[in-house]
PDB file of N, CA and C in Angstrom:
ATOM      1  N   MET A   1      38.306   6.675 -27.194  1.00  0.00           N
ATOM      2  CA  MET A   1      38.033   8.345 -28.018  1.00  0.00           C
ATOM      3  C   MET A   1      35.980   7.785 -27.932  1.00  0.00           C
ATOM      4  N   ALA A   2      35.257   8.119 -27.986  1.00  0.00           N
ATOM      5  CA  ALA A   2      33.911   8.257 -28.035  1.00  0.00           C
ATOM      6  C   ALA A   2      33.951   8.306 -29.600  1.00  0.00           C
ATOM      7  N   LYS A   3      33.008   7.492 -30.164  1.00  0.00           N
ATOM      8  CA  LYS A   3      32.494   7.614 -31.442  1.00  0.00           C
ATOM      9  C   LYS A   3      31.603   8.692 -31.701  1.00  0.00           C
ATOM     10  N   GLN A   4      31.757   9.119 -33.050  1.00  0.00           N
ATOM     11  CA  GLN A   4      30.914  10.436 -33.240  1.00  0.00           C
ATOM     12  C   GLN A   4      29.565  10.026 -33.722  1.00  0.00           C
ATOM     13  N   ARG A   5      28.181  10.246 -33.050  1.00  0.00           N
ATOM     14  CA  ARG A   5      26.838  10.200 -33.276  1.00  0.00           C
ATOM     15  C   ARG A   5      26.178  10.505 -34.548  1.00  0.00           C
ATOM     16  N   GLY A   6      26.058   9.739 -35.126  1.00  0.00           N
ATOM     17  CA  GLY A   6      25.677   9.800 -36.619  1.00  0.00           C
ATOM     18  C   GLY A   6      23.965  10.482 -36.662  1.00  0.00           C
ATOM     19  N   LEU A   7      23.226   9.922 -37.979  1.00  0.00           N
ATOM     20  CA  LEU A   7      21.828  10.146 -38.271  1.00  0.00           C
ATOM     21  C   LEU A   7      21.035   9.744 -37.417  1.00  0.00           C
ATOM     22  N   ASP A   8      20.187   9.995 -36.783  1.00  0.00           N
ATOM     23  CA  ASP A   8      18.748   9.562 -35.636  1.00  0.00           C
ATOM     24  C   ASP A   8      19.659   8.973 -34.811  1.00  0.00           C
ATOM     25  N   ASN A   9      20.607   9.470 -34.135  1.00  0.00           N
ATOM     26  CA  ASN A   9      21.726   9.191 -33.089  1.00  0.00           C
ATOM     27  C   ASN A   9      22.200   7.870 -33.288  1.00  0.00           C
ATOM     28  N   ARG A  10      22.647   7.310 -34.352  1.00  0.00           N
ATOM     29  CA  ARG A  10      23.301   6.054 -34.629  1.00  0.00           C
ATOM     30  C   ARG A  10      24.661   5.971 -34.442  1.00  0.00           C
ATOM     31  N   SER A  11      25.206   5.263 -33.945  1.00  0.00           N
ATOM     32  CA  SER A  11      26.540   4.973 -34.452  1.00  0.00           C
ATOM     33  C   SER A  11      27.583   5.025 -35.755  1.00  0.00           C
ATOM     34  N   ARG A  12      28.524   5.592 -35.365  1.00  0.00           N
ATOM     35  CA  ARG A  12      29.204   5.874 -36.878  1.00  0.00           C
ATOM     36  C   ARG A  12      30.347   4.695 -36.502  1.00  0.00           C
ATOM     37  N   ASP A  13      30.976   3.816 -37.681  1.00  0.00           N
ATOM     38  CA  ASP A  13      31.873   2.836 -37.331  1.00  0.00           C
ATOM     39  C   ASP A  13      33.322   3.551 -37.852  1.00  0.00           C
ATOM     40  N   ASN A  14      34.126   2.789 -37.418  1.00  0.00           N
ATOM     41  CA  ASN A  14      35.855   3.432 -37.485  1.00  0.00           C
ATOM     42  C   ASN A  14      36.055   4.307 -38.933  1.00  0.00           C
ATOM     43  N   ASN A  15      35.372   3.891 -40.187  1.00  0.00           N
ATOM     44  CA  ASN A  15      35.608   4.810 -41.178  1.00  0.00           C
ATOM     45  C   ASN A  15      34.392   5.720 -41.872  1.00  0.00           C
ATOM     46  N   GLY A  16      33.953   6.095 -40.669  1.00  0.00           N
ATOM     47  CA  GLY A  16      32.937   7.399 -40.520  1.00  0.00           C
ATOM     48  C   GLY A  16      31.716   6.862 -41.055  1.00  0.00           C
ATOM     49  N   GLN A  17      31.211   5.573 -41.605  1.00  0.00           N
ATOM     50  CA  GLN A  17      29.984   5.725 -42.167  1.00  0.00           C
ATOM     51  C   GLN A  17      29.107   5.403 -41.039  1.00  0.00           C
ATOM     52  N   THR A  18      27.580   5.702 -41.214  1.00  0.00           N
ATOM     53  CA  THR A  18      26.599   5.698 -40.404  1.00  0.00           C
ATOM     54  C   THR A  18      26.698   3.796 -40.143  1.00  0.00           C
ATOM     55  N   ARG A  19      26.353   3.263 -39.071  1.00  0.00           N
ATOM     56  CA  ARG A  19      25.780   1.967 -38.959  1.00  0.00           C
ATOM     57  C   ARG A  19      24.348   1.872 -39.525  1.00  0.00           C
ATOM     58  N   ALA A  20      23.823   0.850 -40.334  1.00  0.00           N
ATOM     59  CA  ALA A  20      22.472   0.782 -41.011  1.00  0.00           C
ATOM     60  C   ALA A  20      21.707   0.111 -40.137  1.00  0.00           C
ATOM     61  N   LYS A  21      20.458   0.441 -40.750  1.00  0.00           N
ATOM     62  CA  LYS A  21      19.263  -0.007 -39.613  1.00  0.00           C
ATOM     63  C   LYS A  21      18.936  -1.428 -40.054  1.00  0.00           C
ATOM     64  N   ASN A  22      18.934  -2.296 -38.719  1.00  0.00           N
ATOM     65  CA  ASN A  22      18.608  -3.688 -38.725  1.00  0.00           C
ATOM     66  C   ASN A  22      17.466  -4.046 -39.508  1.00  0.00           C
ATOM     67  N   GLY A  23      17.432  -4.842 -40.340  1.00  0.00           N
ATOM     68  CA  GLY A  23      16.495  -4.997 -41.104  1.00  0.00           C
ATOM     69  C   GLY A  23      15.382  -6.011 -40.283  1.00  0.00           C
ATOM     70  N   ASN A  24      15.363  -6.256 -39.252  1.00  0.00           N
ATOM     71  CA  ASN A  24      14.284  -6.938 -38.404  1.00  0.00           C
ATOM     72  C   ASN A  24      13.333  -6.107 -37.762  1.00  0.00           C
ATOM     73  N   THR A  25      14.314  -4.606 -37.919  1.00  0.00           N
ATOM     74  CA  THR A  25      13.461  -3.299 -37.138  1.00  0.00           C
ATOM     75  C   THR A  25      12.000  -3.256 -37.693  1.00  0.00           C
ATOM     76  N   ARG A  26      11.115  -3.122 -36.758  1.00  0.00           N
ATOM     77  CA  ARG A  26       9.324  -3.212 -36.972  1.00  0.00           C
ATOM     78  C   ARG A  26       9.363  -1.718 -37.382  1.00  0.00           C
ATOM     79  N   LEU A  27       8.198  -1.485 -38.365  1.00  0.00           N
ATOM     80  CA  LEU A  27       7.744  -0.096 -38.679  1.00  0.00           C
ATOM     81  C   LEU A  27       7.376   0.496 -37.572  1.00  0.00           C
ATOM     82  N   GLY A  28       6.903  -0.064 -36.345  1.00  0.00           N
ATOM     83  CA  GLY A  28       6.104   0.388 -35.111  1.00  0.00           C
ATOM     84  C   GLY A  28       7.324   1.080 -34.560  1.00  0.00           C
ATOM     85  N   THR A  29       8.325   0.457 -34.497  1.00  0.00           N
ATOM     86  CA  THR A  29       9.631   1.061 -34.108  1.00  0.00           C
ATOM     87  C   THR A  29       9.932   2.691 -34.905  1.00  0.00           C
ATOM     88  N   LEU A  30      10.196   2.122 -35.956  1.00  0.00           N
ATOM     89  CA  LEU A  30      10.675   3.594 -37.127  1.00  0.00           C
ATOM     90  C   LEU A  30       9.498   4.827 -36.673  1.00  0.00           C
ATOM     91  N   ARG A  31       8.422   4.228 -36.510  1.00  0.00           N
ATOM     92  CA  ARG A  31       7.477   5.442 -36.513  1.00  0.00           C
ATOM     93  C   ARG A  31       7.590   5.978 -35.064  1.00  0.00           C
ATOM     94  N   GLU A  32       8.264   5.448 -34.467  1.00  0.00           N
ATOM     95  CA  GLU A  32       8.914   6.366 -32.748  1.00  0.00           C
ATOM     96  C   GLU A  32       9.847   7.361 -33.532  1.00  0.00           C
ATOM     97  N   THR A  33      10.544   7.005 -34.378  1.00  0.00           N
ATOM     98  CA  THR A  33      11.499   8.360 -35.172  1.00  0.00           C
ATOM     99  C   THR A  33      10.953   9.224 -36.054  1.00  0.00           C
ATOM    100  N   TYR A  34      10.289   8.669 -37.305  1.00  0.00           N
ATOM    101  CA  TYR A  34       9.975   9.027 -38.010  1.00  0.00           C
ATOM    102  C   TYR A  34       8.417   9.670 -38.224  1.00  0.00           C
ATOM    103  N   GLY A  35       7.292   9.610 -37.297  1.00  0.00           N
ATOM    104  CA  GLY A  35       6.274   9.900 -37.319  1.00  0.00           C
ATOM    105  C   GLY A  35       5.377   8.835 -37.636  1.00  0.00           C
ATOM    106  N   GLU A  36       4.168   9.106 -37.123  1.00  0.00           N
ATOM    107  CA  GLU A  36       2.693   8.131 -37.145  1.00  0.00           C
ATOM    108  C   GLU A  36       2.600   7.839 -38.961  1.00  0.00           C
ATOM    109  N   ASN A  37       3.202   8.583 -39.664  1.00  0.00           N
ATOM    110  CA  ASN A  37       3.081   8.607 -41.193  1.00  0.00           C
ATOM    111  C   ASN A  37       3.859   7.877 -42.123  1.00  0.00           C
ATOM    112  N   PHE A  38       4.545   7.450 -41.104  1.00  0.00           N
ATOM    113  CA  PHE A  38       5.819   6.414 -41.914  1.00  0.00           C
ATOM    114  C   PHE A  38       5.179   5.330 -42.398  1.00  0.00           C
ATOM    115  N   ALA A  39       5.634   4.866 -43.719  1.00  0.00           N
ATOM    116  CA  ALA A  39       4.960   3.795 -43.852  1.00  0.00           C
ATOM    117  C   ALA A  39       3.383   3.496 -44.083  1.00  0.00           C
ATOM    118  N   PRO A  40       2.439   4.410 -44.594  1.00  0.00           N
ATOM    119  CA  PRO A  40       1.119   4.726 -44.412  1.00  0.00           C
ATOM    120  C   PRO A  40       0.671   3.183 -44.719  1.00  0.00           C
ATOM    121  N   GLY A  41      -0.638   2.643 -44.196  1.00  0.00           N
ATOM    122  CA  GLY A  41      -1.331   1.725 -44.865  1.00  0.00           C
ATOM    123  C   GLY A  41      -0.370   0.483 -44.412  1.00  0.00           C
ATOM    124  N   ARG A  42       0.804   0.332 -43.917  1.00  0.00           N
ATOM    125  CA  ARG A  42       1.437  -0.850 -43.374  1.00  0.00           C
ATOM    126  C   ARG A  42       1.382  -0.926 -42.165  1.00  0.00           C
ATOM    127  N   ARG A  43       0.856  -2.521 -41.639  1.00  0.00           N
ATOM    128  CA  ARG A  43       1.209  -2.818 -40.422  1.00  0.00           C
ATOM    129  C   ARG A  43       2.719  -2.375 -39.475  1.00  0.00           C
ATOM    130  N   SER A  44       2.399  -2.111 -38.236  1.00  0.00           N
ATOM    131  CA  SER A  44       3.289  -1.692 -37.487  1.00  0.00           C
ATOM    132  C   SER A  44       3.934  -3.127 -36.784  1.00  0.00           C
ATOM    133  N   ASP A  45       3.869  -4.574 -37.010  1.00  0.00           N
ATOM    134  CA  ASP A  45       4.492  -5.631 -36.922  1.00  0.00           C
ATOM    135  C   ASP A  45       5.315  -5.901 -38.203  1.00  0.00           C
ATOM    136  N   MET A  46       5.279  -5.322 -39.253  1.00  0.00           N
ATOM    137  CA  MET A  46       5.988  -5.483 -40.804  1.00  0.00           C
ATOM    138  C   MET A  46       7.485  -5.139 -40.878  1.00  0.00           C
ATOM    139  N   LYS A  47       8.139  -5.872 -41.015  1.00  0.00           N
ATOM    140  CA  LYS A  47      10.139  -5.457 -40.679  1.00  0.00           C
ATOM    141  C   LYS A  47      10.295  -4.713 -41.964  1.00  0.00           C
ATOM    142  N   LEU A  48      11.031  -3.836 -41.557  1.00  0.00           N
ATOM    143  CA  LEU A  48      11.874  -3.273 -42.494  1.00  0.00           C
ATOM    144  C   LEU A  48      12.179  -3.978 -43.579  1.00  0.00           C
ATOM    145  N   ASP A  49      12.769  -4.906 -43.487  1.00  0.00           N
ATOM    146  CA  ASP A  49      13.226  -5.554 -44.523  1.00  0.00           C
ATOM    147  C   ASP A  49      12.258  -6.018 -45.837  1.00  0.00           C
ATOM    148  N   THR A  50      10.950  -5.926 -45.001  1.00  0.00           N
ATOM    149  CA  THR A  50       9.720  -6.791 -46.279  1.00  0.00           C
ATOM    150  C   THR A  50       9.590  -4.923 -46.530  1.00  0.00           C
ATOM    151  N   LEU A  51       9.457  -3.859 -46.103  1.00  0.00           N
ATOM    152  CA  LEU A  51       9.293  -2.898 -46.811  1.00  0.00           C
ATOM    153  C   LEU A  51       9.893  -2.082 -47.806  1.00  0.00           C
ATOM    154  N   LEU A  52      11.391  -2.663 -47.706  1.00  0.00           N
ATOM    155  CA  LEU A  52      12.185  -2.280 -48.685  1.00  0.00           C
ATOM    156  C   LEU A  52      12.361  -3.006 -49.766  1.00  0.00           C
ATOM    157  N   GLU A  53      11.894  -4.745 -49.591  1.00  0.00           N
ATOM    158  CA  GLU A  53      11.525  -5.401 -51.007  1.00  0.00           C
ATOM    159  C   GLU A  53      10.179  -5.050 -51.601  1.00  0.00           C
ATOM    160  N   GLU A  54       9.099  -4.721 -51.005  1.00  0.00           N
ATOM    161  CA  GLU A  54       8.000  -4.362 -51.129  1.00  0.00           C
ATOM    162  C   GLU A  54       7.872  -2.737 -52.157  1.00  0.00           C
ATOM    163  N   THR A  55       9.003  -1.913 -51.677  1.00  0.00           N
ATOM    164  CA  THR A  55       8.955  -0.936 -52.722  1.00  0.00           C
ATOM    165  C   THR A  55      10.483  -0.732 -53.444  1.00  0.00           C
ATOM    166  N   ASP A  56      11.201  -1.691 -53.669  1.00  0.00           N
ATOM    167  CA  ASP A  56      12.268  -1.837 -54.396  1.00  0.00           C
ATOM    168  C   ASP A  56      13.418  -0.592 -53.938  1.00  0.00           C
ATOM    169  N   SER A  57      13.207  -0.522 -52.776  1.00  0.00           N
ATOM    170  CA  SER A  57      14.340   0.320 -52.088  1.00  0.00           C
ATOM    171  C   SER A  57      15.570  -0.521 -51.356  1.00  0.00           C
ATOM    172  N   THR A  58      16.831   0.187 -51.467  1.00  0.00           N
ATOM    173  CA  THR A  58      18.056  -0.608 -51.364  1.00  0.00           C
ATOM    174  C   THR A  58      18.246  -0.480 -49.983  1.00  0.00           C
ATOM    175  N   SER A  59      17.542   0.641 -49.247  1.00  0.00           N
ATOM    176  CA  SER A  59      18.027   1.044 -47.825  1.00  0.00           C
ATOM    177  C   SER A  59      16.904   2.009 -47.021  1.00  0.00           C
ATOM    178  N   LEU A  60      17.226   2.275 -45.904  1.00  0.00           N
ATOM    179  CA  LEU A  60      16.115   2.968 -45.199  1.00  0.00           C
ATOM    180  C   LEU A  60      16.096   4.730 -45.964  1.00  0.00           C
ATOM    181  N   SER A  61      17.183   4.871 -45.812  1.00  0.00           N
ATOM    182  CA  SER A  61      17.139   6.227 -46.613  1.00  0.00           C
ATOM    183  C   SER A  61      17.040   6.163 -48.068  1.00  0.00           C
ATOM    184  N   ASP A  62      17.377   5.155 -49.157  1.00  0.00           N
ATOM    185  CA  ASP A  62      16.516   4.973 -50.411  1.00  0.00           C
ATOM    186  C   ASP A  62      14.978   5.060 -50.067  1.00  0.00           C
ATOM    187  N   TYR A  63      14.480   4.853 -49.257  1.00  0.00           N
ATOM    188  CA  TYR A  63      13.300   4.914 -48.993  1.00  0.00           C
ATOM    189  C   TYR A  63      12.615   5.881 -48.823  1.00  0.00           C
ATOM    190  N   LEU A  64      13.310   7.045 -47.796  1.00  0.00           N
ATOM    191  CA  LEU A  64      12.276   7.860 -47.646  1.00  0.00           C
ATOM    192  C   LEU A  64      13.133   8.944 -48.392  1.00  0.00           C
ATOM    193  N   ARG A  65      13.907   8.888 -49.056  1.00  0.00           N
ATOM    194  CA  ARG A  65      14.291   9.782 -50.158  1.00  0.00           C
ATOM    195  C   ARG A  65      13.084   9.505 -51.411  1.00  0.00           C
ATOM    196  N   ASN A  66      12.429   8.653 -51.238  1.00  0.00           N
ATOM    197  CA  ASN A  66      11.697   7.865 -53.096  1.00  0.00           C
ATOM    198  C   ASN A  66      10.198   8.439 -52.500  1.00  0.00           C
ATOM    199  N   GLN A  67      10.359   8.697 -51.278  1.00  0.00           N
ATOM    200  CA  GLN A  67       8.763   9.219 -50.534  1.00  0.00           C
ATOM    201  C   GLN A  67       8.472  10.436 -50.639  1.00  0.00           C
ATOM    202  N   LYS A  68       9.672  11.314 -50.720  1.00  0.00           N
ATOM    203  CA  LYS A  68       9.297  12.797 -51.013  1.00  0.00           C
ATOM    204  C   LYS A  68       9.049  13.157 -52.112  1.00  0.00           C
ATOM    205  N   ARG A  69       9.225  12.259 -53.014  1.00  0.00           N
ATOM    206  CA  ARG A  69       8.698  12.566 -54.358  1.00  0.00           C
ATOM    207  C   ARG A  69       7.521  12.977 -54.650  1.00  0.00           C
TER     208      ARG A  69
END
């Protein structure tokens, strides 16, 4: 049975949770999905973990939620 696709076409694990983005993902890669205005003013080679730490975010979803405010 194929696993159901989730947010941003990521796979879901057996309990239905969407697999988390890897903290080593570079912002340049995330900009391909979220647009050129994702994390403005930050270098494209910055890692997601660093962005989350600098913004006191717990996850990519948390960062995105906080940026909409």
